Amino acid sequence: MAERAAIITGGSSGIGLAIARMLGQDGYGLTVSARRPEKLEEAVAGLREEGFEVHTVAANMANEEDIKRIASEHEEKFGRLDVLVNNAGVGIGGLIHDAETKKLDMQLDVNLRAVYLMTRDCVPLLRAAGKEHGKALIVNTASIAGKFGQAGLAMYSATKFGVVGLSQATQQEYGPEGITCTALCPGFVATPMTDWVEGEVPKDEMIQPEDIAAGVRFLLGTSKNCVVPEIQFLRPSDKM
């Protein structure tokens, strides 16, 4: 049984998979969740081949019962939680006047509501880890669109602004108990989620998922006296 353990949502590809691999390399037991079971098992097979201890939970992050199941199955498997990575997300482009309500609700549910619920259901285990070693960590994947509103991505931007605010409030509530919370705010990352812009920005010119994983490793290497509210990841050509 691993001495420390982590949950990663949205872990079947891109940023989530890169963070899961990094945590596995550093000795964490992993619970990896994603919506599509086949894709999840394919991704996790690679992690297991590298010798990592991995439990999978196929879950729809818009479903509260699925969220509860991730937390409960992780506790049953590992008995502890040191790192929670709220990474699952969805982005749907379009102008405000063309928006379909069901697509707005989907982004609110997955990008913001699920982060809140996942955090809520993991607080007891995170508190125990914080009491033990003073450095339990919550990482919330936001976006640079959560710092600067993006035309054509109004609801996505709104949810990611929400994630940044939620991360700040989480830090204030649970920092005294040895739990730190950081919002990750990247620009374009070379993942399937940015396929739509590849004609304008080639994937090899984007931020790489491993860059985000390196940021999480940095956070875990800081002392319990160090709080990093957010990290922005930009390309050299991005406006600051």
C-alpha atoms as a PDB file:
ATOM      1  CA  MET A   1       0.000   0.000   0.000  1.00  0.00           C
ATOM      2  CA  ALA A   2       1.359   3.417  -0.987  1.00  0.00           C
ATOM      3  CA  GLU A   3       2.324   5.731   1.860  1.00  0.00           C
ATOM      4  CA  ARG A   4       0.505   8.629   0.180  1.00  0.00           C
ATOM      5  CA  ALA A   5      -2.435   8.722  -2.209  1.00  0.00           C
ATOM      6  CA  ALA A   6      -4.111  11.037  -4.705  1.00  0.00           C
ATOM      7  CA  ILE A   7      -7.353  11.445  -6.638  1.00  0.00           C
ATOM      8  CA  ILE A   8      -7.217  12.813 -10.181  1.00  0.00           C
ATOM      9  CA  THR A   9     -10.448  13.598 -12.024  1.00  0.00           C
ATOM     10  CA  GLY A  10     -10.399  13.941 -15.793  1.00  0.00           C
ATOM     11  CA  GLY A  11      -7.376  11.668 -15.764  1.00  0.00           C
ATOM     12  CA  SER A  12      -7.683   9.696 -18.987  1.00  0.00           C
ATOM     13  CA  SER A  13      -5.695  12.133 -21.142  1.00  0.00           C
ATOM     14  CA  GLY A  14      -3.945  15.479 -21.274  1.00  0.00           C
ATOM     15  CA  ILE A  15      -3.261  17.382 -18.071  1.00  0.00           C
ATOM     16  CA  GLY A  16      -4.907  14.848 -15.757  1.00  0.00           C
ATOM     17  CA  LEU A  17      -2.972  11.900 -17.163  1.00  0.00           C
ATOM     18  CA  ALA A  18       0.313  13.815 -17.005  1.00  0.00           C
ATOM     19  CA  ILE A  19      -0.294  14.713 -13.353  1.00  0.00           C
ATOM     20  CA  ALA A  20      -1.285  11.124 -12.555  1.00  0.00           C
ATOM     21  CA  ARG A  21       1.942   9.838 -14.141  1.00  0.00           C
ATOM     22  CA  MET A  22       4.026  12.350 -12.188  1.00  0.00           C
ATOM     23  CA  LEU A  23       2.369  11.416  -8.902  1.00  0.00           C
ATOM     24  CA  GLY A  24       2.826   7.717  -9.668  1.00  0.00           C
ATOM     25  CA  GLN A  25       6.514   8.330 -10.316  1.00  0.00           C
ATOM     26  CA  ASP A  26       6.696  10.002  -6.914  1.00  0.00           C
ATOM     27  CA  GLY A  27       5.170   6.990  -5.168  1.00  0.00           C
ATOM     28  CA  TYR A  28       1.530   7.981  -4.784  1.00  0.00           C
ATOM     29  CA  GLY A  29      -1.281   5.484  -4.949  1.00  0.00           C
ATOM     30  CA  LEU A  30      -3.717   6.779  -7.547  1.00  0.00           C
ATOM     31  CA  THR A  31      -7.454   6.909  -8.031  1.00  0.00           C
ATOM     32  CA  VAL A  32      -8.031   8.096 -11.571  1.00  0.00           C
ATOM     33  CA  SER A  33     -11.475   9.068 -12.794  1.00  0.00           C
ATOM     34  CA  ALA A  34     -12.901   9.933 -16.203  1.00  0.00           C
ATOM     35  CA  ARG A  35     -16.268   9.765 -17.930  1.00  0.00           C
ATOM     36  CA  ARG A  36     -15.605   7.170 -20.637  1.00  0.00           C
ATOM     37  CA  PRO A  37     -14.714   3.733 -19.196  1.00  0.00           C
ATOM     38  CA  GLU A  38     -12.905   2.423 -22.280  1.00  0.00           C
ATOM     39  CA  LYS A  39     -10.670   5.451 -22.629  1.00  0.00           C
ATOM     40  CA  LEU A  40     -10.001   5.462 -18.886  1.00  0.00           C
ATOM     41  CA  GLU A  41      -8.929   1.822 -18.806  1.00  0.00           C
ATOM     42  CA  GLU A  42      -6.715   2.295 -21.858  1.00  0.00           C
ATOM     43  CA  ALA A  43      -4.942   5.235 -20.224  1.00  0.00           C
ATOM     44  CA  VAL A  44      -4.574   3.500 -16.881  1.00  0.00           C
ATOM     45  CA  ALA A  45      -3.150   0.372 -18.509  1.00  0.00           C
ATOM     46  CA  GLY A  46      -0.130   2.463 -19.441  1.00  0.00           C
ATOM     47  CA  LEU A  47       0.246   3.712 -15.879  1.00  0.00           C
ATOM     48  CA  ARG A  48       0.043   0.190 -14.502  1.00  0.00           C
ATOM     49  CA  GLU A  49       2.662  -0.983 -16.993  1.00  0.00           C
ATOM     50  CA  GLU A  50       4.957   1.616 -15.442  1.00  0.00           C
ATOM     51  CA  GLY A  51       4.418  -0.059 -12.073  1.00  0.00           C
ATOM     52  CA  PHE A  52       2.018   2.411 -10.483  1.00  0.00           C
ATOM     53  CA  GLU A  53      -0.770   1.409  -8.105  1.00  0.00           C
ATOM     54  CA  VAL A  54      -3.957   2.667  -9.762  1.00  0.00           C
ATOM     55  CA  HIS A  55      -7.653   2.386  -9.010  1.00  0.00           C
ATOM     56  CA  THR A  56     -10.158   3.588 -11.615  1.00  0.00           C
ATOM     57  CA  VAL A  57     -13.637   5.040 -11.245  1.00  0.00           C
ATOM     58  CA  ALA A  58     -15.638   5.814 -14.376  1.00  0.00           C
ATOM     59  CA  ALA A  59     -17.782   8.804 -13.434  1.00  0.00           C
ATOM     60  CA  ASN A  60     -19.844  11.622 -14.875  1.00  0.00           C
ATOM     61  CA  MET A  61     -18.808  14.710 -12.926  1.00  0.00           C
ATOM     62  CA  ALA A  62     -22.237  16.243 -13.477  1.00  0.00           C
ATOM     63  CA  ASN A  63     -23.687  13.441 -11.324  1.00  0.00           C
ATOM     64  CA  GLU A  64     -23.408  13.937  -7.560  1.00  0.00           C
ATOM     65  CA  GLU A  65     -23.665  10.221  -6.820  1.00  0.00           C
ATOM     66  CA  ASP A  66     -20.737   9.523  -9.143  1.00  0.00           C
ATOM     67  CA  ILE A  67     -18.691  12.142  -7.301  1.00  0.00           C
ATOM     68  CA  LYS A  68     -19.511  10.548  -3.959  1.00  0.00           C
ATOM     69  CA  ARG A  69     -18.493   7.177  -5.392  1.00  0.00           C
ATOM     70  CA  ILE A  70     -15.056   8.454  -6.390  1.00  0.00           C
ATOM     71  CA  ALA A  71     -14.385   9.613  -2.821  1.00  0.00           C
ATOM     72  CA  SER A  72     -15.770   6.487  -1.166  1.00  0.00           C
ATOM     73  CA  GLU A  73     -13.998   4.018  -3.455  1.00  0.00           C
ATOM     74  CA  HIS A  74     -10.729   5.883  -2.998  1.00  0.00           C
ATOM     75  CA  GLU A  75     -11.067   5.736   0.792  1.00  0.00           C
ATOM     76  CA  GLU A  76     -11.876   2.023   0.639  1.00  0.00           C
ATOM     77  CA  LYS A  77      -8.863   1.357  -1.587  1.00  0.00           C
ATOM     78  CA  PHE A  78      -6.201   3.578  -0.008  1.00  0.00           C
ATOM     79  CA  GLY A  79      -7.556   4.762   3.363  1.00  0.00           C
ATOM     80  CA  ARG A  80      -5.985   8.205   2.986  1.00  0.00           C
ATOM     81  CA  LEU A  81      -5.861  11.207   0.655  1.00  0.00           C
ATOM     82  CA  ASP A  82      -2.932  13.584   0.375  1.00  0.00           C
ATOM     83  CA  VAL A  83      -3.577  15.210  -2.998  1.00  0.00           C
ATOM     84  CA  LEU A  84      -6.867  16.024  -4.733  1.00  0.00           C
ATOM     85  CA  VAL A  85      -6.620  17.109  -8.366  1.00  0.00           C
ATOM     86  CA  ASN A  86      -9.905  18.560  -9.618  1.00  0.00           C
ATOM     87  CA  ASN A  87      -9.061  18.484 -13.300  1.00  0.00           C
ATOM     88  CA  ALA A  88     -12.201  17.328 -15.149  1.00  0.00           C
ATOM     89  CA  GLY A  89     -13.625  20.061 -17.324  1.00  0.00           C
ATOM     90  CA  VAL A  90     -15.507  20.857 -20.505  1.00  0.00           C
ATOM     91  CA  GLY A  91     -15.393  23.874 -22.801  1.00  0.00           C
ATOM     92  CA  ILE A  92     -18.075  24.723 -25.350  1.00  0.00           C
ATOM     93  CA  GLY A  93     -17.507  27.723 -27.579  1.00  0.00           C
ATOM     94  CA  GLY A  94     -20.089  30.094 -29.026  1.00  0.00           C
ATOM     95  CA  LEU A  95     -21.501  33.577 -28.694  1.00  0.00           C
ATOM     96  CA  ILE A  96     -23.739  34.409 -25.755  1.00  0.00           C
ATOM     97  CA  HIS A  97     -26.871  34.965 -27.860  1.00  0.00           C
ATOM     98  CA  ASP A  98     -26.490  31.534 -29.478  1.00  0.00           C
ATOM     99  CA  ALA A  99     -25.970  29.559 -26.258  1.00  0.00           C
ATOM    100  CA  GLU A 100     -28.067  26.483 -25.489  1.00  0.00           C
ATOM    101  CA  THR A 101     -29.113  26.243 -21.860  1.00  0.00           C
ATOM    102  CA  LYS A 102     -28.176  22.562 -21.571  1.00  0.00           C
ATOM    103  CA  LYS A 103     -24.621  23.389 -22.693  1.00  0.00           C
ATOM    104  CA  LEU A 104     -24.413  26.204 -20.153  1.00  0.00           C
ATOM    105  CA  ASP A 105     -25.594  23.842 -17.424  1.00  0.00           C
ATOM    106  CA  MET A 106     -23.079  21.187 -18.458  1.00  0.00           C
ATOM    107  CA  GLN A 107     -20.178  23.598 -18.086  1.00  0.00           C
ATOM    108  CA  LEU A 108     -21.449  24.890 -14.746  1.00  0.00           C
ATOM    109  CA  ASP A 109     -21.940  21.351 -13.451  1.00  0.00           C
ATOM    110  CA  VAL A 110     -18.615  19.877 -14.567  1.00  0.00           C
ATOM    111  CA  ASN A 111     -16.287  22.866 -14.322  1.00  0.00           C
ATOM    112  CA  LEU A 112     -17.495  24.437 -11.074  1.00  0.00           C
ATOM    113  CA  ARG A 113     -20.163  22.485  -9.184  1.00  0.00           C
ATOM    114  CA  ALA A 114     -18.165  19.238  -9.396  1.00  0.00           C
ATOM    115  CA  VAL A 115     -15.039  20.938  -8.032  1.00  0.00           C
ATOM    116  CA  TYR A 116     -17.051  22.137  -5.037  1.00  0.00           C
ATOM    117  CA  LEU A 117     -18.701  18.764  -4.422  1.00  0.00           C
ATOM    118  CA  MET A 118     -15.506  16.763  -4.910  1.00  0.00           C
ATOM    119  CA  THR A 119     -13.687  19.010  -2.466  1.00  0.00           C
ATOM    120  CA  ARG A 120     -16.544  18.808   0.041  1.00  0.00           C
ATOM    121  CA  ASP A 121     -16.599  15.018  -0.026  1.00  0.00           C
ATOM    122  CA  CYS A 122     -12.804  14.751   0.315  1.00  0.00           C
ATOM    123  CA  VAL A 123     -12.340  17.218   3.181  1.00  0.00           C
ATOM    124  CA  PRO A 124     -12.361  14.561   5.948  1.00  0.00           C
ATOM    125  CA  LEU A 125      -9.503  12.602   4.389  1.00  0.00           C
ATOM    126  CA  LEU A 126      -7.585  15.758   3.495  1.00  0.00           C
ATOM    127  CA  ARG A 127      -7.952  17.015   7.062  1.00  0.00           C
ATOM    128  CA  ALA A 128      -6.417  13.804   8.361  1.00  0.00           C
ATOM    129  CA  ALA A 129      -3.463  14.164   5.987  1.00  0.00           C
ATOM    130  CA  GLY A 130      -3.079  17.828   6.879  1.00  0.00           C
ATOM    131  CA  LYS A 131      -2.998  16.958  10.558  1.00  0.00           C
ATOM    132  CA  GLU A 132      -0.413  14.241   9.889  1.00  0.00           C
ATOM    133  CA  HIS A 133       2.102  16.156   7.773  1.00  0.00           C
ATOM    134  CA  GLY A 134       0.775  19.685   7.292  1.00  0.00           C
ATOM    135  CA  LYS A 135       0.801  19.615   3.491  1.00  0.00           C
ATOM    136  CA  ALA A 136      -2.360  18.101   2.044  1.00  0.00           C
ATOM    137  CA  LEU A 137      -2.886  19.650  -1.372  1.00  0.00           C
ATOM    138  CA  ILE A 138      -5.905  20.524  -3.503  1.00  0.00           C
ATOM    139  CA  VAL A 139      -5.155  21.466  -7.101  1.00  0.00           C
ATOM    140  CA  ASN A 140      -7.971  22.939  -9.181  1.00  0.00           C
ATOM    141  CA  THR A 141      -7.494  23.214 -12.934  1.00  0.00           C
ATOM    142  CA  ALA A 142      -8.807  26.633 -13.909  1.00  0.00           C
ATOM    143  CA  SER A 143      -7.633  28.453 -17.053  1.00  0.00           C
ATOM    144  CA  ILE A 144      -6.148  31.704 -18.202  1.00  0.00           C
ATOM    145  CA  ALA A 145      -9.758  32.281 -19.296  1.00  0.00           C
ATOM    146  CA  GLY A 146     -10.470  32.396 -15.555  1.00  0.00           C
ATOM    147  CA  LYS A 147      -8.223  35.454 -15.273  1.00  0.00           C
ATOM    148  CA  PHE A 148      -9.175  37.282 -18.471  1.00  0.00           C
ATOM    149  CA  GLY A 149     -12.640  36.762 -19.952  1.00  0.00           C
ATOM    150  CA  GLN A 150     -12.591  35.264 -23.447  1.00  0.00           C
ATOM    151  CA  ALA A 151     -15.030  36.224 -26.211  1.00  0.00           C
ATOM    152  CA  GLY A 152     -16.706  33.115 -27.583  1.00  0.00           C
ATOM    153  CA  LEU A 153     -16.052  31.295 -24.306  1.00  0.00           C
ATOM    154  CA  ALA A 154     -18.213  33.337 -21.961  1.00  0.00           C
ATOM    155  CA  MET A 155     -19.613  30.500 -19.853  1.00  0.00           C
ATOM    156  CA  TYR A 156     -16.301  28.631 -19.801  1.00  0.00           C
ATOM    157  CA  SER A 157     -14.593  31.829 -18.638  1.00  0.00           C
ATOM    158  CA  ALA A 158     -17.253  32.367 -15.989  1.00  0.00           C
ATOM    159  CA  THR A 159     -16.838  28.870 -14.595  1.00  0.00           C
ATOM    160  CA  LYS A 160     -13.067  29.182 -14.506  1.00  0.00           C
ATOM    161  CA  PHE A 161     -13.277  32.560 -12.758  1.00  0.00           C
ATOM    162  CA  GLY A 162     -15.450  30.667 -10.286  1.00  0.00           C
ATOM    163  CA  VAL A 163     -12.813  28.001  -9.836  1.00  0.00           C
ATOM    164  CA  VAL A 164     -10.212  30.650  -9.013  1.00  0.00           C
ATOM    165  CA  GLY A 165     -12.526  32.209  -6.421  1.00  0.00           C
ATOM    166  CA  LEU A 166     -13.452  28.816  -4.997  1.00  0.00           C
ATOM    167  CA  SER A 167      -9.760  27.960  -4.679  1.00  0.00           C
ATOM    168  CA  GLN A 168      -9.098  31.160  -2.744  1.00  0.00           C
ATOM    169  CA  ALA A 169     -12.010  30.505  -0.389  1.00  0.00           C
ATOM    170  CA  THR A 170     -10.927  26.889   0.098  1.00  0.00           C
ATOM    171  CA  GLN A 171      -7.468  28.050   1.112  1.00  0.00           C
ATOM    172  CA  GLN A 172      -8.919  30.464   3.638  1.00  0.00           C
ATOM    173  CA  GLU A 173     -11.226  27.844   5.135  1.00  0.00           C
ATOM    174  CA  TYR A 174      -8.817  24.923   5.377  1.00  0.00           C
ATOM    175  CA  GLY A 175      -5.330  26.433   5.317  1.00  0.00           C
ATOM    176  CA  PRO A 176      -5.193  26.457   9.132  1.00  0.00           C
ATOM    177  CA  GLU A 177      -5.756  22.678   9.033  1.00  0.00           C
ATOM    178  CA  GLY A 178      -2.733  21.914   6.869  1.00  0.00           C
ATOM    179  CA  ILE A 179      -4.573  21.888   3.526  1.00  0.00           C
ATOM    180  CA  THR A 180      -3.314  24.157   0.753  1.00  0.00           C
ATOM    181  CA  CYS A 181      -5.265  24.942  -2.417  1.00  0.00           C
ATOM    182  CA  THR A 182      -3.883  26.195  -5.721  1.00  0.00           C
ATOM    183  CA  ALA A 183      -5.642  27.139  -8.955  1.00  0.00           C
ATOM    184  CA  LEU A 184      -3.777  26.259 -12.144  1.00  0.00           C
ATOM    185  CA  CYS A 185      -4.419  28.810 -14.909  1.00  0.00           C
ATOM    186  CA  PRO A 186      -2.909  27.681 -18.212  1.00  0.00           C
ATOM    187  CA  GLY A 187      -3.297  29.063 -21.688  1.00  0.00           C
ATOM    188  CA  PHE A 188      -3.502  26.666 -24.615  1.00  0.00           C
ATOM    189  CA  VAL A 189      -2.261  23.222 -23.560  1.00  0.00           C
ATOM    190  CA  ALA A 190      -1.577  20.472 -26.097  1.00  0.00           C
ATOM    191  CA  THR A 191      -4.540  18.255 -25.225  1.00  0.00           C
ATOM    192  CA  PRO A 192      -7.619  17.014 -27.096  1.00  0.00           C
ATOM    193  CA  MET A 193      -9.544  19.947 -25.605  1.00  0.00           C
ATOM    194  CA  THR A 194      -7.540  22.384 -27.779  1.00  0.00           C
ATOM    195  CA  ASP A 195      -7.941  20.519 -31.070  1.00  0.00           C
ATOM    196  CA  TRP A 196     -10.311  23.275 -32.227  1.00  0.00           C
ATOM    197  CA  VAL A 197      -7.517  25.873 -32.297  1.00  0.00           C
ATOM    198  CA  GLU A 198      -4.729  23.685 -33.693  1.00  0.00           C
ATOM    199  CA  GLY A 199      -5.030  25.329 -37.132  1.00  0.00           C
ATOM    200  CA  GLU A 200      -3.979  28.623 -35.549  1.00  0.00           C
ATOM    201  CA  VAL A 201      -1.679  27.349 -32.805  1.00  0.00           C
ATOM    202  CA  PRO A 202       0.159  24.073 -33.568  1.00  0.00           C
ATOM    203  CA  LYS A 203       0.283  21.599 -30.696  1.00  0.00           C
ATOM    204  CA  ASP A 204       4.080  21.742 -30.579  1.00  0.00           C
ATOM    205  CA  GLU A 205       3.829  25.480 -29.893  1.00  0.00           C
ATOM    206  CA  MET A 206       1.396  25.011 -27.005  1.00  0.00           C
ATOM    207  CA  ILE A 207       2.104  24.488 -23.321  1.00  0.00           C
ATOM    208  CA  GLN A 208       2.666  20.779 -22.721  1.00  0.00           C
ATOM    209  CA  PRO A 209       0.714  18.689 -20.176  1.00  0.00           C
ATOM    210  CA  GLU A 210       4.016  17.793 -18.538  1.00  0.00           C
ATOM    211  CA  ASP A 211       4.567  21.497 -17.821  1.00  0.00           C
ATOM    212  CA  ILE A 212       1.414  21.503 -15.698  1.00  0.00           C
ATOM    213  CA  ALA A 213       2.491  18.298 -13.954  1.00  0.00           C
ATOM    214  CA  ALA A 214       5.831  19.935 -13.165  1.00  0.00           C
ATOM    215  CA  GLY A 215       3.918  22.774 -11.530  1.00  0.00           C
ATOM    216  CA  VAL A 216       2.121  20.310  -9.253  1.00  0.00           C
ATOM    217  CA  ARG A 217       5.424  18.665  -8.363  1.00  0.00           C
ATOM    218  CA  PHE A 218       6.749  22.107  -7.438  1.00  0.00           C
ATOM    219  CA  LEU A 219       3.767  22.701  -5.146  1.00  0.00           C
ATOM    220  CA  LEU A 220       4.365  19.399  -3.378  1.00  0.00           C
ATOM    221  CA  GLY A 221       7.998  20.331  -2.846  1.00  0.00           C
ATOM    222  CA  THR A 222       7.242  23.558  -0.998  1.00  0.00           C
ATOM    223  CA  SER A 223       7.155  23.743   2.778  1.00  0.00           C
ATOM    224  CA  LYS A 224       3.968  23.799   4.795  1.00  0.00           C
ATOM    225  CA  ASN A 225       4.648  27.500   5.383  1.00  0.00           C
ATOM    226  CA  CYS A 226       4.351  28.276   1.667  1.00  0.00           C
ATOM    227  CA  VAL A 227       0.998  28.973   0.016  1.00  0.00           C
ATOM    228  CA  VAL A 228       0.781  29.427  -3.765  1.00  0.00           C
ATOM    229  CA  PRO A 229      -2.721  30.733  -4.563  1.00  0.00           C
ATOM    230  CA  GLU A 230      -2.416  30.199  -8.310  1.00  0.00           C
ATOM    231  CA  ILE A 231       0.016  29.467 -11.126  1.00  0.00           C
ATOM    232  CA  GLN A 232      -0.398  30.974 -14.591  1.00  0.00           C
ATOM    233  CA  PHE A 233       1.127  29.057 -17.507  1.00  0.00           C
ATOM    234  CA  LEU A 234       1.618  31.133 -20.670  1.00  0.00           C
ATOM    235  CA  ARG A 235       3.329  30.770 -24.010  1.00  0.00           C
ATOM    236  CA  PRO A 236       6.084  33.292 -24.914  1.00  0.00           C
ATOM    237  CA  SER A 237       3.731  34.967 -27.398  1.00  0.00           C
ATOM    238  CA  ASP A 238       0.824  35.325 -24.968  1.00  0.00           C
ATOM    239  CA  LYS A 239      -0.063  38.804 -23.764  1.00  0.00           C
ATOM    240  CA  MET A 240       0.575  39.386 -20.070  1.00  0.00           C
END
